[in-house]
Amino acid sequence: MLKLLMVDDEQWIRERFSERIPWSEAGFTFLGAASGAEEAIGMIERNMPHVLLTDITMPNMNGLELAAYVRKRWPRIRIVILTAYGEFEYARQAIELGVDNYLIKLAQTPAQILDACRKVAESIEQEMDVDQKLAMRLELEREKEWQRKRQWTEYVLENEGKGDQRLLSEEWFGSLHTASYLVDFTLGWRLHPEFGQAAPQTDAIMLFQRQLAEELERKMDLKLGDGCKLTLLPLRQMRLGLLVSSMQPVNAFYLKQIAMIALDALKAHELAHSYLHIGDLRDLGKRPLDEKQLGHMLREGLDRLAAYFYKSDTSMIGKQAAPLRRLDSDVSREWIANMVKALQRGNVEAFRESASLMIAWTEAPIHPADLLRITKQIFQPELVQLPDAVIARLYEIDQLETWEEFCGWWTETMNTISEWLKERFQPPTAVRKEIQLMCRYIREHYMEDMQVAELAKLVHMHPSYVGQMFRQEVGENLSDYVNRVRMEKASELLENTTMKIYEVSSAVGISDYRYFCKVFKTYTGFTPTQFKSKHS
């Protein structure tokens, strides 16, 4: 799979290319989206892409300057220029620089963007010699094999001991069937903040995991000695399971040597920290290992490694680490419900009060898996409206590896959301005059049937661009803003007049009474009848 990196200083463009284009289905590994040329250069130095997509108009170093720099330093990287309408002079300069394609980023569909990238990929493959093509084919086979292992380990971990007690397959675990003893190691790591300041993509994180596994396999083969075999398994995104089988019992000194080889291998990479747990020596002669037992072993290793969350000053997680408290389903549901309701109702005080529970220190620390799971369930964009600044940081949740990082993330998120909630019901102070004109028009004509095309015509812009720009400037979708204005007016009418609910619905431009009731409850937390009774 060819590796691809994109660069654009506009967040919503980065999100569009990151989330809405099925890169992996088209045979690409999407390494991430950098916000500027300097960040892109750092990412290229760490993991060189085959294809670079870069915007032209960026601060400091623009896209053409970046293209010239990349062309000189890494001549094999293919470059596709991204830009907006009307910058044809830039296109001419890009062609002179020898870029491989030129796309107007707001005019192309995801399919057209992928098609342009495939053409670049074809030209790359045509220039490859036989050895390079063979190497790429072998790389693809290794990637497919690693994905199969990932799917299998996820299945085993998720079954929680309820799966079949099937013996392990010969394909991956043949050495375990002939060995007498087994020790499991669980290896974890934290990404360095500079790994990719613009959301390091799952593809890039997974690629690093596989490459690290291959590196460890090479190094361990030289150190394990006769009678010992290594089996590596992917565990989630930033964990590896290392199974060392042997014919003879192994002592603690030997196990520590293996552990240090694994930790030393990680030191060469740009990681914030790495840590490891050594499991018990198991006698395989008494009972053959099956899927259920291995799943229990892997889960136990991950649970032990979770102790690092609260004690991040060590690389070796001891077996004596105190077990972490698990949250029961009732407590989890209560925490989630309280914060979701506060967000839906725009209640700053209730949100901060509920959110403070997430970072309240207790004598019996909560298992980080529960804390991260609850955090992700709270901030589901389909459940609650969120400011762009928070949406852009949701990817970080899976990468919070310490209590300090977790508290820092929550503190910043609480402050961002609190300020956003306070400002939501104030007239937006958009930078662009077009947005100000649209907001004024919406507030004056909320009772009418408004279409995006009509608003776009008002400000002389293309309809497909208006919605994206509105969200970037105001912090919410155009349709959500219209509904919010309408619900503000509906609340005023229900509170201050004797109008019937269906009359209020019609007065704010919503002819469907049931839809009006649904939207009103989403924005206020009450049905129109409840709201009217409360304020009567």
Protein backbone atom coordinates (compact mmCIF):
# COMPACT_ATOMS: atom_id res chain seq x y z
CA MET A 1 0.00 0.00 0.00
CA LEU A 2 1.38 3.39 -0.99
CA LYS A 3 1.74 5.90 1.84
CA LEU A 4 0.08 9.30 1.46
CA LEU A 5 0.42 12.55 3.45
CA MET A 6 -1.61 15.74 3.04
CA VAL A 7 -0.96 19.35 4.10
CA ASP A 8 -3.53 22.13 4.49
CA ASP A 9 -3.80 24.99 6.97
CA GLU A 10 -7.62 24.84 7.08
CA GLN A 11 -8.89 22.37 9.66
CA TRP A 12 -12.15 21.50 7.93
CA ILE A 13 -10.26 20.64 4.73
CA ARG A 14 -7.94 18.35 6.71
CA GLU A 15 -10.95 16.70 8.32
CA ARG A 16 -12.61 16.22 4.93
CA PHE A 17 -9.56 14.48 3.45
CA SER A 18 -8.90 12.48 6.63
CA GLU A 19 -12.40 11.23 7.38
CA ARG A 20 -14.44 11.25 4.17
CA ILE A 21 -12.09 9.64 1.70
CA PRO A 22 -11.69 5.82 1.91
CA TRP A 23 -7.92 5.79 1.39
CA SER A 24 -7.34 2.21 2.55
CA GLU A 25 -9.99 0.86 0.16
CA ALA A 26 -8.08 2.50 -2.68
CA GLY A 27 -4.76 0.95 -1.63
CA PHE A 28 -3.26 3.88 0.31
CA THR A 29 -2.02 4.18 3.88
CA PHE A 30 -3.05 7.67 5.03
CA LEU A 31 -0.21 8.90 7.25
CA GLY A 32 -2.00 12.01 8.48
CA ALA A 33 -2.87 15.62 7.75
CA ALA A 34 -0.32 18.31 8.61
CA SER A 35 -1.42 21.89 9.25
CA GLY A 36 1.64 23.50 7.66
CA ALA A 37 4.86 22.94 5.72
CA GLU A 38 7.14 22.73 8.77
CA GLU A 39 5.00 20.06 10.40
CA ALA A 40 4.79 18.16 7.09
CA ILE A 41 8.58 18.10 6.74
CA GLY A 42 8.88 16.64 10.26
CA MET A 43 6.34 13.95 9.42
CA ILE A 44 8.14 13.11 6.15
CA GLU A 45 11.43 12.72 8.04
CA ARG A 46 9.80 10.19 10.38
CA ASN A 47 7.83 8.24 7.78
CA MET A 48 8.43 9.06 4.12
CA PRO A 49 5.27 8.98 1.98
CA HIS A 50 5.02 8.00 -1.66
CA VAL A 51 2.51 10.79 -2.39
CA LEU A 52 2.24 14.30 -0.91
CA LEU A 53 -0.99 16.32 -1.30
CA THR A 54 -0.33 19.96 -0.43
CA ASP A 55 -2.40 23.13 -0.39
CA ILE A 56 -0.83 26.19 -2.06
CA THR A 57 -1.85 29.16 0.08
CA MET A 58 -0.37 28.51 3.54
CA PRO A 59 1.43 30.85 5.97
CA ASN A 60 5.23 30.90 6.36
CA MET A 61 6.14 28.40 3.61
CA ASN A 62 3.47 28.07 0.92
CA GLY A 63 2.68 24.90 -1.00
CA LEU A 64 4.84 25.73 -4.00
CA GLU A 65 7.84 26.40 -1.76
CA LEU A 66 7.17 23.13 0.06
CA ALA A 67 6.89 21.30 -3.28
CA ALA A 68 10.23 22.74 -4.42
CA TYR A 69 11.88 21.75 -1.11
CA VAL A 70 10.47 18.21 -1.22
CA ARG A 71 11.35 17.81 -4.92
CA LYS A 72 14.99 18.72 -4.16
CA ARG A 73 15.40 16.71 -0.93
CA TRP A 74 13.18 13.70 -1.70
CA PRO A 75 12.90 13.50 -5.49
CA ARG A 76 11.03 10.17 -5.40
CA ILE A 77 7.99 11.65 -3.57
CA ARG A 78 5.16 12.42 -5.97
CA ILE A 79 3.37 15.72 -5.39
CA VAL A 80 -0.27 16.66 -5.99
CA ILE A 81 -1.17 20.34 -5.54
CA LEU A 82 -4.47 21.29 -3.87
CA THR A 83 -5.95 24.76 -4.23
CA ALA A 84 -9.17 26.77 -4.50
CA TYR A 85 -10.82 28.41 -7.49
CA GLY A 86 -9.09 31.15 -9.43
CA GLU A 87 -5.45 30.38 -8.64
CA PHE A 88 -4.42 29.37 -12.15
CA GLU A 89 -1.14 31.28 -11.97
CA TYR A 90 -0.19 28.96 -9.15
CA ALA A 91 -1.13 26.03 -11.37
CA ARG A 92 1.27 27.22 -14.02
CA GLN A 93 4.09 27.51 -11.46
CA ALA A 94 3.25 24.06 -10.08
CA ILE A 95 3.54 22.53 -13.54
CA GLU A 96 6.95 24.19 -13.96
CA LEU A 97 8.04 22.60 -10.68
CA GLY A 98 7.13 19.19 -12.07
CA VAL A 99 4.24 18.31 -9.76
CA ASP A 100 2.27 15.24 -10.75
CA ASN A 101 -1.26 16.61 -10.60
CA TYR A 102 -3.29 19.69 -9.74
CA LEU A 103 -6.69 19.53 -8.00
CA ILE A 104 -9.24 22.22 -7.17
CA LYS A 105 -9.99 20.87 -3.71
CA LEU A 106 -13.57 22.13 -3.36
CA ALA A 107 -14.68 21.01 -6.81
CA GLN A 108 -13.68 17.32 -6.70
CA THR A 109 -15.68 14.50 -5.14
CA PRO A 110 -13.87 11.89 -3.01
CA ALA A 111 -14.03 9.50 -5.99
CA GLN A 112 -12.35 12.07 -8.26
CA ILE A 113 -9.64 12.76 -5.67
CA LEU A 114 -8.95 9.04 -5.32
CA ASP A 115 -8.88 8.66 -9.09
CA ALA A 116 -6.23 11.39 -9.39
CA CYS A 117 -4.14 9.73 -6.66
CA ARG A 118 -4.48 6.32 -8.33
CA LYS A 119 -3.06 7.75 -11.55
CA VAL A 120 -0.04 8.99 -9.61
CA ALA A 121 0.25 5.55 -7.99
CA GLU A 122 0.22 3.88 -11.41
CA SER A 123 3.09 6.07 -12.58
CA ILE A 124 5.04 5.17 -9.43
CA GLU A 125 4.55 1.47 -10.08
CA GLN A 126 5.50 1.80 -13.75
CA GLU A 127 8.88 3.22 -12.75
CA MET A 128 9.60 0.44 -10.29
CA ASP A 129 12.00 -2.32 -11.26
CA VAL A 130 11.26 -6.00 -10.63
CA ASP A 131 12.91 -6.03 -7.19
CA GLN A 132 10.95 -2.97 -6.03
CA LYS A 133 7.66 -4.46 -7.20
CA LEU A 134 8.49 -7.72 -5.46
CA ALA A 135 9.35 -5.83 -2.26
CA MET A 136 6.04 -3.96 -2.44
CA ARG A 137 4.14 -7.20 -2.99
CA LEU A 138 5.85 -8.80 0.01
CA GLU A 139 5.07 -5.70 2.09
CA LEU A 140 1.42 -5.98 1.15
CA GLU A 141 1.37 -9.68 2.10
CA ARG A 142 2.90 -8.86 5.49
CA GLU A 143 0.29 -6.15 6.01
CA LYS A 144 -2.55 -8.59 5.17
CA GLU A 145 -1.12 -11.19 7.55
CA TRP A 146 -0.81 -8.60 10.34
CA GLN A 147 -4.43 -7.54 9.77
CA ARG A 148 -5.53 -11.17 10.10
CA LYS A 149 -3.69 -11.41 13.41
CA ARG A 150 -5.26 -8.15 14.57
CA GLN A 151 -8.78 -9.38 13.77
CA TRP A 152 -8.09 -12.64 15.60
CA THR A 153 -6.69 -10.99 18.76
CA GLU A 154 -9.58 -8.49 18.83
CA TYR A 155 -12.00 -11.42 18.65
CA VAL A 156 -10.22 -13.25 21.48
CA LEU A 157 -10.03 -10.14 23.67
CA GLU A 158 -13.66 -9.15 23.14
CA ASN A 159 -15.02 -12.60 23.95
CA GLU A 160 -14.04 -12.19 27.62
CA GLY A 161 -13.59 -15.92 28.06
CA LYS A 162 -16.93 -16.84 26.48
CA GLY A 163 -15.50 -18.16 23.24
CA ASP A 164 -14.78 -21.71 22.17
CA GLN A 165 -11.97 -23.60 23.84
CA ARG A 166 -10.36 -24.31 20.50
CA LEU A 167 -6.70 -25.21 20.30
CA LEU A 168 -4.48 -22.52 18.82
CA SER A 169 -3.77 -22.74 15.10
CA GLU A 170 -0.53 -24.32 13.89
CA GLU A 171 -0.03 -21.41 11.47
CA TRP A 172 0.81 -18.85 14.18
CA PHE A 173 1.28 -20.93 17.32
CA GLY A 174 2.95 -24.09 16.10
CA SER A 175 5.95 -23.49 18.39
CA LEU A 176 3.66 -23.45 21.44
CA HIS A 177 2.38 -26.96 20.69
CA THR A 178 5.89 -28.42 20.94
CA ALA A 179 7.18 -26.22 23.79
CA SER A 180 7.08 -27.04 27.48
CA TYR A 181 7.02 -23.52 28.93
CA LEU A 182 5.62 -20.11 28.01
CA VAL A 183 6.15 -16.54 29.25
CA ASP A 184 4.07 -13.63 28.00
CA PHE A 185 5.29 -10.03 27.79
CA THR A 186 2.97 -7.07 27.20
CA LEU A 187 4.68 -4.06 25.64
CA GLY A 188 3.17 -0.58 25.44
CA TRP A 189 4.30 2.88 24.39
CA ARG A 190 3.28 6.52 24.30
CA LEU A 191 3.60 8.55 21.14
CA HIS A 192 5.83 11.59 21.28
CA PRO A 193 3.86 14.87 20.96
CA GLU A 194 5.73 15.57 17.72
CA PHE A 195 4.75 12.24 16.14
CA GLY A 196 2.18 14.28 14.23
CA GLN A 197 0.65 17.36 15.76
CA ALA A 198 -2.28 17.08 13.37
CA ALA A 199 -4.08 13.92 14.44
CA PRO A 200 -1.78 10.99 13.71
CA GLN A 201 -4.02 8.70 11.70
CA THR A 202 -4.91 5.19 12.79
CA ASP A 203 -3.25 3.86 9.60
CA ALA A 204 0.07 5.46 10.57
CA ILE A 205 -0.15 4.21 14.17
CA MET A 206 -0.95 0.67 13.01
CA LEU A 207 1.88 0.77 10.48
CA PHE A 208 4.34 1.75 13.23
CA GLN A 209 3.06 -1.13 15.38
CA ARG A 210 3.68 -3.68 12.62
CA GLN A 211 7.12 -2.28 11.76
CA LEU A 212 8.07 -2.39 15.44
CA ALA A 213 6.93 -6.03 15.65
CA GLU A 214 9.09 -6.95 12.65
CA GLU A 215 12.07 -5.14 14.19
CA LEU A 216 11.62 -6.97 17.50
CA GLU A 217 11.33 -10.30 15.70
CA ARG A 218 14.67 -9.72 13.96
CA LYS A 219 16.43 -8.69 17.17
CA MET A 220 14.94 -11.45 19.30
CA ASP A 221 15.92 -14.17 16.81
CA LEU A 222 19.56 -13.33 17.54
CA LYS A 223 19.12 -13.35 21.33
CA LEU A 224 16.61 -16.03 22.25
CA GLY A 225 18.89 -19.02 21.79
CA ASP A 226 18.14 -22.64 20.94
CA GLY A 227 14.83 -24.07 22.02
CA CYS A 228 13.13 -20.68 22.36
CA LYS A 229 10.61 -19.20 19.93
CA LEU A 230 8.87 -15.83 19.72
CA THR A 231 5.27 -15.14 18.66
CA LEU A 232 4.10 -11.53 18.30
CA LEU A 233 0.50 -10.35 18.46
CA PRO A 234 -1.00 -6.87 17.86
CA LEU A 235 -2.98 -5.62 20.85
CA ARG A 236 -5.12 -2.59 20.13
CA GLN A 237 -3.17 0.37 18.66
CA MET A 238 -0.11 0.88 20.85
CA ARG A 239 0.42 -2.50 22.49
CA LEU A 240 2.16 -5.72 21.51
CA GLY A 241 1.91 -9.17 23.00
CA LEU A 242 5.19 -11.13 23.00
CA LEU A 243 4.91 -14.87 23.66
CA VAL A 244 8.24 -16.59 24.34
CA SER A 245 8.04 -20.39 24.37
CA SER A 246 10.89 -22.69 25.44
CA MET A 247 11.74 -26.33 26.06
CA GLN A 248 13.32 -25.61 29.47
CA PRO A 249 12.33 -23.35 32.40
CA VAL A 250 13.84 -19.87 32.13
CA ASN A 251 15.11 -17.80 35.04
CA ALA A 252 14.29 -14.21 36.02
CA PHE A 253 17.62 -12.86 34.69
CA TYR A 254 16.90 -14.28 31.22
CA LEU A 255 13.40 -12.79 31.24
CA LYS A 256 14.75 -9.37 32.18
CA GLN A 257 17.25 -9.57 29.31
CA ILE A 258 14.39 -10.15 26.85
CA ALA A 259 12.47 -7.27 28.40
CA MET A 260 15.44 -4.91 28.01
CA ILE A 261 15.87 -5.89 24.34
CA ALA A 262 12.24 -4.91 23.71
CA LEU A 263 12.53 -1.61 25.61
CA ASP A 264 15.87 -0.75 23.95
CA ALA A 265 14.34 -1.29 20.51
CA LEU A 266 11.75 1.37 21.28
CA LYS A 267 14.32 3.90 22.48
CA ALA A 268 15.50 4.42 18.91
CA HIS A 269 12.07 5.73 17.91
CA GLU A 270 10.52 9.11 18.67
CA LEU A 271 8.37 7.96 21.57
CA ALA A 272 7.55 9.71 24.81
CA HIS A 273 7.96 6.52 26.83
CA SER A 274 7.71 2.75 26.65
CA TYR A 275 6.83 0.22 29.33
CA LEU A 276 6.48 -3.52 29.72
CA HIS A 277 4.93 -6.17 31.94
CA ILE A 278 6.40 -9.68 32.35
CA GLY A 279 3.84 -12.42 32.91
CA ASP A 280 4.19 -15.67 34.81
CA LEU A 281 6.15 -18.70 33.61
CA ARG A 282 3.51 -21.23 32.51
CA ASP A 283 3.97 -24.99 32.30
CA LEU A 284 2.43 -26.04 28.97
CA GLY A 285 2.94 -29.73 29.64
CA LYS A 286 0.05 -29.90 32.07
CA ARG A 287 -2.61 -28.63 29.67
CA PRO A 288 -2.46 -27.53 26.01
CA LEU A 289 -3.08 -23.79 25.57
CA ASP A 290 -6.39 -22.91 23.89
CA GLU A 291 -7.97 -19.67 22.66
CA LYS A 292 -9.83 -19.07 25.91
CA GLN A 293 -6.68 -19.39 28.02
CA LEU A 294 -4.64 -17.21 25.69
CA GLY A 295 -7.38 -14.56 25.71
CA HIS A 296 -7.30 -14.54 29.52
CA MET A 297 -3.50 -14.23 29.43
CA LEU A 298 -3.59 -11.30 27.00
CA ARG A 299 -6.29 -9.48 28.98
CA GLU A 300 -4.35 -10.01 32.18
CA GLY A 301 -1.24 -8.49 30.58
CA LEU A 302 -3.20 -5.45 29.37
CA ASP A 303 -4.76 -5.00 32.81
CA ARG A 304 -1.34 -5.12 34.47
CA LEU A 305 0.02 -2.65 31.96
CA ALA A 306 -2.85 -0.30 32.86
CA ALA A 307 -1.04 0.40 36.15
CA TYR A 308 1.34 2.59 34.12
CA PHE A 309 -1.54 5.08 33.73
CA TYR A 310 -1.07 6.13 37.36
CA LYS A 311 2.66 5.39 37.73
CA SER A 312 4.30 6.74 34.60
CA ASP A 313 7.79 7.01 36.10
CA THR A 314 8.70 3.38 35.47
CA SER A 315 9.33 1.17 32.44
CA MET A 316 8.85 -2.19 34.14
CA ILE A 317 5.38 -2.84 35.53
CA GLY A 318 5.65 -5.11 38.55
CA LYS A 319 3.40 -8.07 39.23
CA GLN A 320 2.56 -6.54 42.61
CA ALA A 321 0.72 -3.58 41.07
CA ALA A 322 -2.59 -3.05 42.87
CA PRO A 323 -5.68 -4.01 40.83
CA LEU A 324 -7.64 -1.05 39.44
CA ARG A 325 -11.31 -0.46 40.20
CA ARG A 326 -13.81 -1.19 37.44
CA LEU A 327 -16.92 0.99 37.11
CA ASP A 328 -20.22 -0.85 37.08
CA SER A 329 -22.68 -0.18 34.28
CA ASP A 330 -25.08 1.87 36.42
CA VAL A 331 -22.40 4.37 37.48
CA SER A 332 -21.11 4.60 33.90
CA ARG A 333 -24.61 5.29 32.53
CA GLU A 334 -25.24 7.95 35.18
CA TRP A 335 -22.02 9.83 34.42
CA ILE A 336 -22.65 9.72 30.68
CA ALA A 337 -26.32 10.74 30.96
CA ASN A 338 -25.58 13.71 33.24
CA MET A 339 -22.95 15.19 30.94
CA VAL A 340 -24.87 14.53 27.72
CA LYS A 341 -27.97 16.19 29.18
CA ALA A 342 -25.94 19.20 30.35
CA LEU A 343 -24.40 19.58 26.87
CA GLN A 344 -27.74 19.21 25.11
CA ARG A 345 -29.31 21.86 27.37
CA GLY A 346 -26.33 24.20 27.24
CA ASN A 347 -26.02 24.18 31.04
CA VAL A 348 -22.45 25.26 31.82
CA GLU A 349 -22.64 24.73 35.58
CA ALA A 350 -24.18 21.26 35.31
CA PHE A 351 -21.61 20.22 32.71
CA ARG A 352 -18.63 21.37 34.80
CA GLU A 353 -20.05 19.71 37.91
CA SER A 354 -20.55 16.37 36.13
CA ALA A 355 -17.25 16.58 34.22
CA SER A 356 -15.27 17.21 37.40
CA LEU A 357 -16.03 13.61 38.45
CA MET A 358 -13.85 12.38 35.58
CA ILE A 359 -10.71 13.89 37.11
CA ALA A 360 -11.54 13.49 40.78
CA TRP A 361 -8.78 11.45 42.46
CA THR A 362 -9.98 8.48 44.49
CA GLU A 363 -8.10 6.16 46.85
CA ALA A 364 -9.05 3.21 44.64
CA PRO A 365 -8.06 4.41 41.14
CA ILE A 366 -10.43 3.61 38.28
CA HIS A 367 -9.24 1.41 35.43
CA PRO A 368 -8.20 3.71 32.54
CA ALA A 369 -10.13 1.56 30.04
CA ASP A 370 -13.35 2.62 31.81
CA LEU A 371 -12.35 6.29 31.93
CA LEU A 372 -11.49 6.39 28.23
CA ARG A 373 -14.59 4.41 27.24
CA ILE A 374 -16.88 6.80 29.12
CA THR A 375 -15.09 9.82 27.66
CA LYS A 376 -15.63 8.56 24.10
CA GLN A 377 -19.29 7.78 24.78
CA ILE A 378 -19.92 11.29 26.13
CA PHE A 379 -18.42 13.09 23.17
CA GLN A 380 -20.29 11.44 20.30
CA PRO A 381 -21.02 14.13 17.68
CA GLU A 382 -24.28 12.38 16.79
CA LEU A 383 -25.47 12.80 20.41
CA VAL A 384 -24.26 16.30 21.26
CA GLN A 385 -23.12 19.43 19.50
CA LEU A 386 -19.46 20.18 20.08
CA PRO A 387 -17.16 23.06 19.16
CA ASP A 388 -14.68 22.34 16.37
CA ALA A 389 -11.79 22.75 18.81
CA VAL A 390 -13.07 19.76 20.78
CA ILE A 391 -13.98 17.65 17.73
CA ALA A 392 -10.44 18.14 16.45
CA ARG A 393 -9.08 16.64 19.69
CA LEU A 394 -11.34 13.60 20.03
CA TYR A 395 -8.72 11.42 18.33
CA GLU A 396 -6.44 12.07 21.33
CA ILE A 397 -8.68 10.10 23.70
CA ASP A 398 -7.25 6.72 22.65
CA GLN A 399 -3.74 8.11 23.08
CA LEU A 400 -4.08 9.36 26.68
CA GLU A 401 -1.62 7.07 28.44
CA THR A 402 -1.21 8.72 31.87
CA TRP A 403 -3.41 10.25 34.56
CA GLU A 404 -1.67 13.61 34.02
CA GLU A 405 -2.44 13.55 30.29
CA PHE A 406 -6.03 12.50 30.98
CA CYS A 407 -6.61 15.32 33.50
CA GLY A 408 -4.95 17.84 31.19
CA TRP A 409 -7.17 16.79 28.28
CA TRP A 410 -10.31 17.02 30.38
CA THR A 411 -9.39 20.38 31.92
CA GLU A 412 -8.77 21.93 28.49
CA THR A 413 -11.93 20.33 27.10
CA MET A 414 -14.05 21.58 30.02
CA ASN A 415 -12.74 25.12 29.57
CA THR A 416 -13.26 25.06 25.80
CA ILE A 417 -16.82 23.74 26.07
CA SER A 418 -17.71 26.11 28.92
CA GLU A 419 -16.63 29.14 26.89
CA TRP A 420 -18.42 27.80 23.82
CA LEU A 421 -21.65 27.21 25.71
CA LYS A 422 -21.53 30.75 27.12
CA GLU A 423 -21.02 32.24 23.66
CA ARG A 424 -23.46 30.01 21.76
CA PHE A 425 -26.49 32.13 22.39
CA GLN A 426 -24.73 35.38 21.55
CA PRO A 427 -24.76 36.70 17.98
CA PRO A 428 -21.65 35.21 16.34
CA THR A 429 -18.80 37.58 15.58
CA ALA A 430 -17.67 35.92 12.36
CA VAL A 431 -14.51 37.14 10.71
CA ARG A 432 -15.92 37.12 7.22
CA LYS A 433 -18.51 39.70 6.21
CA GLU A 434 -20.34 37.02 4.18
CA ILE A 435 -20.99 35.03 7.35
CA GLN A 436 -22.19 38.13 9.21
CA LEU A 437 -24.62 38.85 6.36
CA MET A 438 -25.92 35.26 6.40
CA CYS A 439 -26.44 35.29 10.19
CA ARG A 440 -28.28 38.59 10.03
CA TYR A 441 -30.47 37.28 7.20
CA ILE A 442 -31.28 34.07 9.13
CA ARG A 443 -32.30 36.02 12.25
CA GLU A 444 -34.53 38.29 10.16
CA HIS A 445 -36.10 35.52 8.04
CA TYR A 446 -36.12 32.50 10.39
CA MET A 447 -39.88 32.10 9.84
CA GLU A 448 -39.34 31.43 6.13
CA ASP A 449 -38.26 28.25 4.31
CA MET A 450 -34.51 28.82 3.84
CA GLN A 451 -32.34 26.81 1.43
CA VAL A 452 -28.55 26.70 1.28
CA ALA A 453 -28.65 27.72 -2.39
CA GLU A 454 -30.60 30.84 -1.45
CA LEU A 455 -28.08 31.83 1.24
CA ALA A 456 -25.19 31.10 -1.12
CA LYS A 457 -26.73 33.36 -3.75
CA LEU A 458 -27.11 36.09 -1.13
CA VAL A 459 -23.33 36.17 -0.55
CA HIS A 460 -22.32 35.28 -4.16
CA MET A 461 -20.66 31.97 -3.25
CA HIS A 462 -20.89 28.36 -4.38
CA PRO A 463 -23.41 26.32 -2.27
CA SER A 464 -20.89 23.53 -1.56
CA TYR A 465 -18.44 26.06 -0.10
CA VAL A 466 -20.94 28.05 1.97
CA GLY A 467 -21.74 25.21 4.38
CA GLN A 468 -18.09 24.35 5.01
CA MET A 469 -17.09 27.98 5.55
CA PHE A 470 -20.06 28.62 7.86
CA ARG A 471 -19.08 25.73 10.14
CA GLN A 472 -15.46 26.88 10.18
CA GLU A 473 -16.40 30.45 11.17
CA VAL A 474 -19.38 29.93 13.48
CA GLY A 475 -18.55 26.52 14.96
CA GLU A 476 -21.73 24.67 13.97
CA ASN A 477 -23.52 23.48 10.85
CA LEU A 478 -25.69 25.95 8.96
CA SER A 479 -28.85 23.86 9.54
CA ASP A 480 -28.08 23.61 13.27
CA TYR A 481 -27.68 27.38 13.49
CA VAL A 482 -31.02 27.94 11.75
CA ASN A 483 -32.72 25.50 14.12
CA ARG A 484 -31.10 27.11 17.16
CA VAL A 485 -32.33 30.57 16.13
CA ARG A 486 -35.80 29.12 15.60
CA MET A 487 -35.80 27.40 19.00
CA GLU A 488 -34.70 30.65 20.69
CA LYS A 489 -37.69 32.40 19.12
CA ALA A 490 -39.99 29.46 19.94
CA SER A 491 -38.91 29.60 23.61
CA GLU A 492 -39.69 33.33 23.73
CA LEU A 493 -43.15 32.78 22.19
CA LEU A 494 -44.03 29.86 24.49
CA GLU A 495 -42.92 31.81 27.56
CA ASN A 496 -44.37 35.22 26.74
CA THR A 497 -47.52 34.58 24.67
CA THR A 498 -50.68 32.47 24.81
CA MET A 499 -50.01 30.95 21.37
CA LYS A 500 -50.73 27.25 20.88
CA ILE A 501 -47.75 24.96 20.30
CA TYR A 502 -48.72 24.30 16.66
CA GLU A 503 -49.02 28.08 16.16
CA VAL A 504 -45.51 28.60 17.56
CA SER A 505 -44.21 25.85 15.29
CA SER A 506 -45.66 27.59 12.24
CA ALA A 507 -44.49 31.01 13.44
CA VAL A 508 -40.84 29.91 13.50
CA GLY A 509 -40.95 28.35 10.04
CA ILE A 510 -41.52 24.66 10.85
CA SER A 511 -44.72 23.26 9.36
CA ASP A 512 -44.27 19.72 10.72
CA TYR A 513 -45.57 19.81 14.31
CA ARG A 514 -43.93 16.50 15.34
CA TYR A 515 -40.55 17.55 13.93
CA PHE A 516 -40.82 20.87 15.81
CA CYS A 517 -41.42 19.03 19.10
CA LYS A 518 -38.43 16.75 18.48
CA VAL A 519 -36.06 19.62 17.65
CA PHE A 520 -37.32 21.71 20.58
CA LYS A 521 -36.60 18.92 23.07
CA THR A 522 -33.13 18.39 21.59
CA TYR A 523 -32.23 22.05 22.12
CA THR A 524 -33.95 22.71 25.46
CA GLY A 525 -34.22 19.31 27.16
CA PHE A 526 -38.01 19.74 27.47
CA THR A 527 -40.99 19.06 25.27
CA PRO A 528 -42.88 22.24 24.27
CA THR A 529 -45.69 21.25 26.67
CA GLN A 530 -43.27 20.79 29.57
CA PHE A 531 -41.53 24.08 28.76
CA LYS A 532 -44.83 25.97 28.58
CA SER A 533 -46.02 24.49 31.89
CA LYS A 534 -42.73 25.33 33.57
CA HIS A 535 -42.93 28.99 32.51
CA SER A 536 -46.66 29.52 32.93
